[in-house]
Amino acid sequence: MTGILKVNSIQSPSTNDDITLDPNGTGDVIVASGNVGIGTTTPSSYNSGADDLVLATTGSTGITIASGTSNNGSLFFADGTSGADQYRGYVQYEQNNNAMAFGTNGVERFKIDGSGQSYFFQAPQNSGQANFYSATEWAISVRRPSAGSAGHIRFENGSSYVGGITTSTTATQYNTSSDYRLKENVTYDWDATTRLKQLKPARFNFIADADTTVDGFLAHEAQVVVPEAVTGTHNEVDDDNNPVYQGIDQSKLVPLLVKTVQELEARIAALEAE
């Protein structure tokens, strides 16, 4: 008959020990003052925040969670016995698709899928935000092994590609979707010079950097002329009356600048021809 558990001796409880299972005569499993030790007779000597169950060896140590090929292996952090309180925080391996998920406050926040792709989530899952902080060097470093052209970051809205960051051997490209097949009502006959003169280039310093003067635009002024270059709303605030600041992508001004130069060059050529 095959036994599930073989116990050579059960020691009588001492002052601190409730029970000791001692098949090898070394105190293999001990329950001491409510703390369970495997491989140690003093589980309470470890950090009091995590000494309820202690596995100790002099070599590599681990716990295996084996689950079915279409089921999950889970480690839950609970603060209650109903609803999401049963799994306020969790680490879960999904055997059916070989993905590892991490949750906080009862919601999945981060996942690594079976191909190694990583996803950051907020609730709902189709929206996410990742925050990276580094006290030294780079907060984020993206490297591709290829020495030639390579894609680094891809931007999508829904399932549509809208831009990305790529590199060549020596340079970086910041790309926005621009294929002619995405566009209609294309015209080349428009007055750029008049619009350009409405822009108000300025020199200023940022309040947070009073000693540095830079060239640029006030976002709401540029928005009147080239609205696609500016994000946000003039004087916007949040529900707590905190400012929601506007931003500007000055590269969106380039077509206006190029068209104006072309118009000026045509006028100069016409004057020289007289």
Protein backbone atom coordinates (compact mmCIF):
# COMPACT_ATOMS: atom_id res chain seq x y z
CA MET A 1 0.00 0.00 0.00
CA THR A 2 1.39 3.36 -1.01
CA GLY A 3 1.30 6.00 1.71
CA ILE A 4 0.69 9.66 1.14
CA LEU A 5 2.71 10.79 4.17
CA LYS A 6 5.25 8.77 6.10
CA VAL A 7 6.05 10.02 9.58
CA ASN A 8 8.79 8.22 11.49
CA SER A 9 8.22 10.22 14.62
CA ILE A 10 5.91 12.90 15.95
CA GLN A 11 7.59 14.84 18.69
CA SER A 12 5.60 15.98 21.64
CA PRO A 13 4.96 19.71 21.70
CA SER A 14 7.54 21.67 23.65
CA THR A 15 7.12 25.17 25.00
CA ASN A 16 7.39 26.72 21.51
CA ASP A 17 6.62 23.79 19.20
CA ASP A 18 3.08 22.68 18.46
CA ILE A 19 4.09 19.64 16.40
CA THR A 20 7.13 18.35 14.53
CA LEU A 21 7.01 15.84 11.64
CA ASP A 22 10.48 14.33 11.68
CA PRO A 23 10.87 11.55 9.08
CA ASN A 24 14.62 12.06 8.75
CA GLY A 25 15.37 12.98 12.31
CA THR A 26 16.25 16.55 11.37
CA GLY A 27 13.03 18.42 12.03
CA ASP A 28 11.92 18.43 8.36
CA VAL A 29 8.48 19.91 8.98
CA ILE A 30 7.72 21.90 12.10
CA VAL A 31 4.73 23.90 13.25
CA ALA A 32 6.01 26.30 15.86
CA SER A 33 3.71 28.86 17.45
CA GLY A 34 1.49 28.75 14.37
CA ASN A 35 4.42 29.16 11.92
CA VAL A 36 5.20 26.30 9.52
CA GLY A 37 8.81 25.55 8.71
CA ILE A 38 10.01 23.10 6.06
CA GLY A 39 13.72 22.50 6.32
CA THR A 40 14.01 24.77 9.34
CA THR A 41 13.10 24.35 12.98
CA THR A 42 12.83 28.10 13.56
CA PRO A 43 10.46 29.62 10.96
CA SER A 44 9.72 32.55 13.26
CA SER A 45 13.35 33.66 13.01
CA TYR A 46 12.63 34.96 9.51
CA ASN A 47 10.96 38.28 8.69
CA SER A 48 7.76 38.57 10.71
CA GLY A 49 5.84 39.79 7.68
CA ALA A 50 6.41 36.49 5.86
CA ASP A 51 7.22 33.77 8.40
CA ASP A 52 3.89 31.93 8.42
CA LEU A 53 5.33 29.40 5.97
CA VAL A 54 9.10 29.15 5.50
CA LEU A 55 10.92 26.82 3.11
CA ALA A 56 14.64 26.68 3.84
CA THR A 57 17.53 24.79 2.25
CA THR A 58 21.22 25.42 1.79
CA GLY A 59 20.84 25.29 -2.00
CA SER A 60 18.28 26.46 -4.53
CA THR A 61 14.79 26.60 -3.05
CA GLY A 62 11.41 26.81 -4.73
CA ILE A 63 7.72 25.98 -4.82
CA THR A 64 6.04 24.29 -7.77
CA ILE A 65 2.41 25.00 -8.65
CA ALA A 66 1.29 22.35 -11.15
CA SER A 67 -2.03 22.84 -12.93
CA GLY A 68 -3.88 21.34 -15.89
CA THR A 69 -2.85 22.23 -19.44
CA SER A 70 -5.99 24.34 -19.90
CA ASN A 71 -6.20 25.73 -16.37
CA ASN A 72 -4.48 28.38 -14.27
CA GLY A 73 -1.83 28.24 -11.57
CA SER A 74 -2.42 31.11 -9.13
CA LEU A 75 -1.03 32.89 -6.13
CA PHE A 76 -3.69 35.12 -4.57
CA PHE A 77 -3.34 37.91 -2.01
CA ALA A 78 -6.69 38.26 -0.23
CA ASP A 79 -8.21 40.59 2.35
CA GLY A 80 -11.61 38.93 2.44
CA THR A 81 -13.61 35.84 1.48
CA SER A 82 -16.00 37.15 -1.16
CA GLY A 83 -15.78 38.76 -4.57
CA ALA A 84 -12.54 40.47 -5.56
CA ASP A 85 -11.47 40.51 -1.89
CA GLN A 86 -10.40 36.90 -2.48
CA TYR A 87 -7.76 38.02 -5.01
CA ARG A 88 -6.96 41.71 -4.38
CA GLY A 89 -3.47 41.01 -5.68
CA TYR A 90 -2.43 38.00 -7.72
CA VAL A 91 0.14 36.29 -9.89
CA GLN A 92 -1.43 33.84 -12.32
CA TYR A 93 -0.04 31.58 -15.00
CA GLU A 94 -2.52 30.71 -17.76
CA GLN A 95 -1.60 27.27 -19.04
CA ASN A 96 -4.01 27.42 -21.99
CA ASN A 97 -2.08 30.27 -23.66
CA ASN A 98 1.19 30.24 -21.69
CA ALA A 99 0.74 33.79 -20.38
CA MET A 100 1.71 35.25 -17.00
CA ALA A 101 -0.66 37.85 -15.49
CA PHE A 102 -0.19 40.21 -12.56
CA GLY A 103 -3.10 41.94 -10.81
CA THR A 104 -3.65 44.65 -8.21
CA ASN A 105 -6.90 45.75 -6.58
CA GLY A 106 -8.62 42.77 -8.18
CA VAL A 107 -7.79 43.89 -11.75
CA GLU A 108 -5.23 42.56 -14.22
CA ARG A 109 -2.51 45.19 -14.67
CA PHE A 110 0.34 43.52 -16.52
CA LYS A 111 0.70 40.45 -18.74
CA ILE A 112 3.48 38.67 -20.57
CA ASP A 113 2.02 36.47 -23.30
CA GLY A 114 3.40 33.22 -24.62
CA SER A 115 5.46 34.94 -27.33
CA GLY A 116 7.15 37.30 -24.84
CA GLN A 117 5.04 40.36 -25.64
CA SER A 118 4.31 42.58 -22.61
CA TYR A 119 1.11 44.52 -21.94
CA PHE A 120 0.28 47.16 -19.34
CA PHE A 121 -3.39 47.53 -18.46
CA GLN A 122 -5.71 49.86 -16.61
CA ALA A 123 -9.41 49.18 -16.18
CA PRO A 124 -10.80 48.47 -18.70
CA GLN A 125 -8.08 46.29 -20.22
CA ASN A 126 -8.02 48.08 -23.56
CA SER A 127 -6.53 51.18 -21.96
CA GLY A 128 -3.18 51.29 -20.26
CA GLN A 129 -0.43 53.44 -18.89
CA ALA A 130 3.16 52.57 -18.14
CA ASN A 131 5.35 54.66 -15.88
CA PHE A 132 9.11 54.19 -15.77
CA TYR A 133 11.48 55.84 -13.30
CA SER A 134 15.25 55.76 -13.10
CA ALA A 135 17.45 57.77 -10.78
CA THR A 136 20.45 57.35 -13.10
CA GLU A 137 21.10 56.97 -16.81
CA TRP A 138 18.12 56.19 -19.06
CA ALA A 139 14.65 55.49 -17.73
CA ILE A 140 13.90 53.49 -20.89
CA SER A 141 16.38 51.89 -23.26
CA VAL A 142 15.12 50.24 -26.45
CA ARG A 143 17.63 48.20 -28.43
CA ARG A 144 17.32 45.98 -31.48
CA PRO A 145 20.08 43.49 -32.33
CA SER A 146 20.00 44.41 -36.03
CA ALA A 147 22.60 46.89 -37.27
CA GLY A 148 20.36 47.88 -40.17
CA SER A 149 16.89 49.40 -40.29
CA ALA A 150 14.66 48.26 -37.43
CA GLY A 151 11.35 49.18 -35.80
CA HIS A 152 11.47 50.10 -32.11
CA ILE A 153 8.06 51.42 -31.07
CA ARG A 154 4.75 51.01 -32.92
CA PHE A 155 1.71 53.19 -32.23
CA GLU A 156 -1.81 51.96 -32.92
CA ASN A 157 -5.32 53.34 -32.51
CA GLY A 158 -7.57 50.33 -32.27
CA SER A 159 -6.02 47.97 -34.79
CA SER A 160 -4.72 50.69 -37.12
CA TYR A 161 -1.07 51.70 -37.37
CA VAL A 162 -0.73 55.46 -36.94
CA GLY A 163 3.01 55.91 -36.42
CA GLY A 164 6.21 54.58 -34.98
CA ILE A 165 9.86 55.06 -34.15
CA THR A 166 12.41 53.33 -36.36
CA THR A 167 16.17 53.45 -36.69
CA SER A 168 18.79 52.94 -39.36
CA THR A 169 22.42 52.18 -38.66
CA THR A 170 23.12 55.81 -37.69
CA ALA A 171 19.83 57.71 -37.31
CA THR A 172 16.35 57.73 -35.75
CA GLN A 173 13.08 58.36 -37.57
CA TYR A 174 9.84 59.49 -35.93
CA ASN A 175 7.09 58.44 -38.30
CA THR A 176 3.43 59.29 -38.66
CA SER A 177 1.13 57.55 -41.13
CA SER A 178 1.34 59.34 -44.47
CA ASP A 179 0.57 56.88 -47.26
CA TYR A 180 -1.43 58.46 -50.10
CA ARG A 181 -3.93 55.61 -49.91
CA LEU A 182 -5.07 56.93 -46.56
CA LYS A 183 -5.91 60.38 -47.92
CA GLU A 184 -8.45 62.13 -50.10
CA ASN A 185 -9.29 65.66 -51.29
CA VAL A 186 -5.59 66.33 -51.90
CA THR A 187 -4.86 69.86 -53.18
CA TYR A 188 -1.64 71.78 -53.77
CA ASP A 189 -3.19 75.18 -54.41
CA TRP A 190 -3.51 76.99 -51.09
CA ASP A 191 -2.14 80.18 -49.56
CA ALA A 192 0.59 79.32 -47.05
CA THR A 193 2.18 82.77 -46.73
CA THR A 194 -0.93 84.43 -45.31
CA ARG A 195 -1.34 81.68 -42.72
CA LEU A 196 2.34 81.69 -41.83
CA LYS A 197 2.18 85.40 -41.00
CA GLN A 198 -0.49 84.63 -38.42
CA LEU A 199 1.92 82.54 -36.40
CA LYS A 200 3.59 84.32 -33.48
CA PRO A 201 7.06 82.94 -32.81
CA ALA A 202 8.25 84.05 -29.38
CA ARG A 203 11.19 83.84 -27.00
CA PHE A 204 10.51 82.85 -23.41
CA ASN A 205 11.64 80.73 -20.49
CA PHE A 206 9.70 78.03 -18.70
CA ILE A 207 8.80 78.87 -15.12
CA ALA A 208 10.62 75.75 -13.95
CA ASP A 209 13.80 76.80 -15.78
CA ALA A 210 14.06 80.55 -15.35
CA ASP A 211 17.66 80.80 -16.59
CA THR A 212 17.09 79.26 -20.02
CA THR A 213 15.53 81.27 -22.86
CA VAL A 214 14.16 79.31 -25.81
CA ASP A 215 12.36 79.93 -29.10
CA GLY A 216 8.87 78.58 -29.64
CA PHE A 217 5.15 79.24 -29.66
CA LEU A 218 2.31 79.59 -27.18
CA ALA A 219 0.20 76.52 -27.86
CA HIS A 220 -3.19 78.21 -27.98
CA GLU A 221 -1.90 80.86 -30.43
CA ALA A 222 -0.45 78.26 -32.79
CA GLN A 223 -3.64 76.22 -32.49
CA VAL A 224 -5.62 78.94 -34.28
CA VAL A 225 -3.39 78.62 -37.36
CA VAL A 226 -2.35 74.93 -37.34
CA PRO A 227 -4.78 73.11 -35.03
CA GLU A 228 -3.34 69.68 -35.82
CA ALA A 229 -0.04 70.74 -34.21
CA VAL A 230 -1.57 71.31 -30.76
CA THR A 231 -3.16 69.01 -28.21
CA GLY A 232 -5.46 70.02 -25.39
CA THR A 233 -7.82 72.94 -24.84
CA HIS A 234 -6.89 76.51 -23.95
CA ASN A 235 -7.21 77.14 -20.18
CA GLU A 236 -8.47 73.59 -19.51
CA VAL A 237 -8.61 72.37 -15.89
CA ASP A 238 -9.48 69.03 -14.30
CA ASP A 239 -12.23 68.28 -11.78
CA ASP A 240 -10.02 69.62 -8.97
CA ASN A 241 -9.33 72.85 -10.88
CA ASN A 242 -5.73 71.85 -11.64
CA PRO A 243 -4.36 72.97 -15.02
CA VAL A 244 -4.42 70.49 -17.90
CA TYR A 245 -1.60 71.86 -20.01
CA GLN A 246 -1.56 72.03 -23.79
CA GLY A 247 1.25 70.60 -25.89
CA ILE A 248 2.60 71.26 -29.37
CA ASP A 249 4.22 69.12 -32.06
CA GLN A 250 6.25 71.70 -33.93
CA SER A 251 7.03 69.26 -36.75
CA LYS A 252 3.42 69.74 -37.89
CA LEU A 253 4.40 73.29 -38.88
CA VAL A 254 6.88 72.05 -41.50
CA PRO A 255 4.40 71.76 -44.43
CA LEU A 256 3.29 75.36 -43.85
CA LEU A 257 6.92 76.53 -43.77
CA VAL A 258 7.87 74.61 -46.91
CA LYS A 259 4.86 75.87 -48.87
CA THR A 260 5.62 79.45 -47.81
CA VAL A 261 9.23 79.14 -48.98
CA GLN A 262 7.99 77.81 -52.32
CA GLU A 263 5.59 80.77 -52.68
CA LEU A 264 8.34 83.26 -51.82
CA GLU A 265 10.75 81.59 -54.23
CA ALA A 266 8.12 81.89 -57.01
CA ARG A 267 7.66 85.59 -56.29
CA ILE A 268 11.41 86.18 -56.33
CA ALA A 269 11.74 84.32 -59.62
CA ALA A 270 8.92 86.43 -61.10
CA LEU A 271 10.59 89.65 -60.01
CA GLU A 272 13.94 88.55 -61.42
CA ALA A 273 12.27 87.76 -64.74
CA GLU A 274 10.91 91.32 -65.16
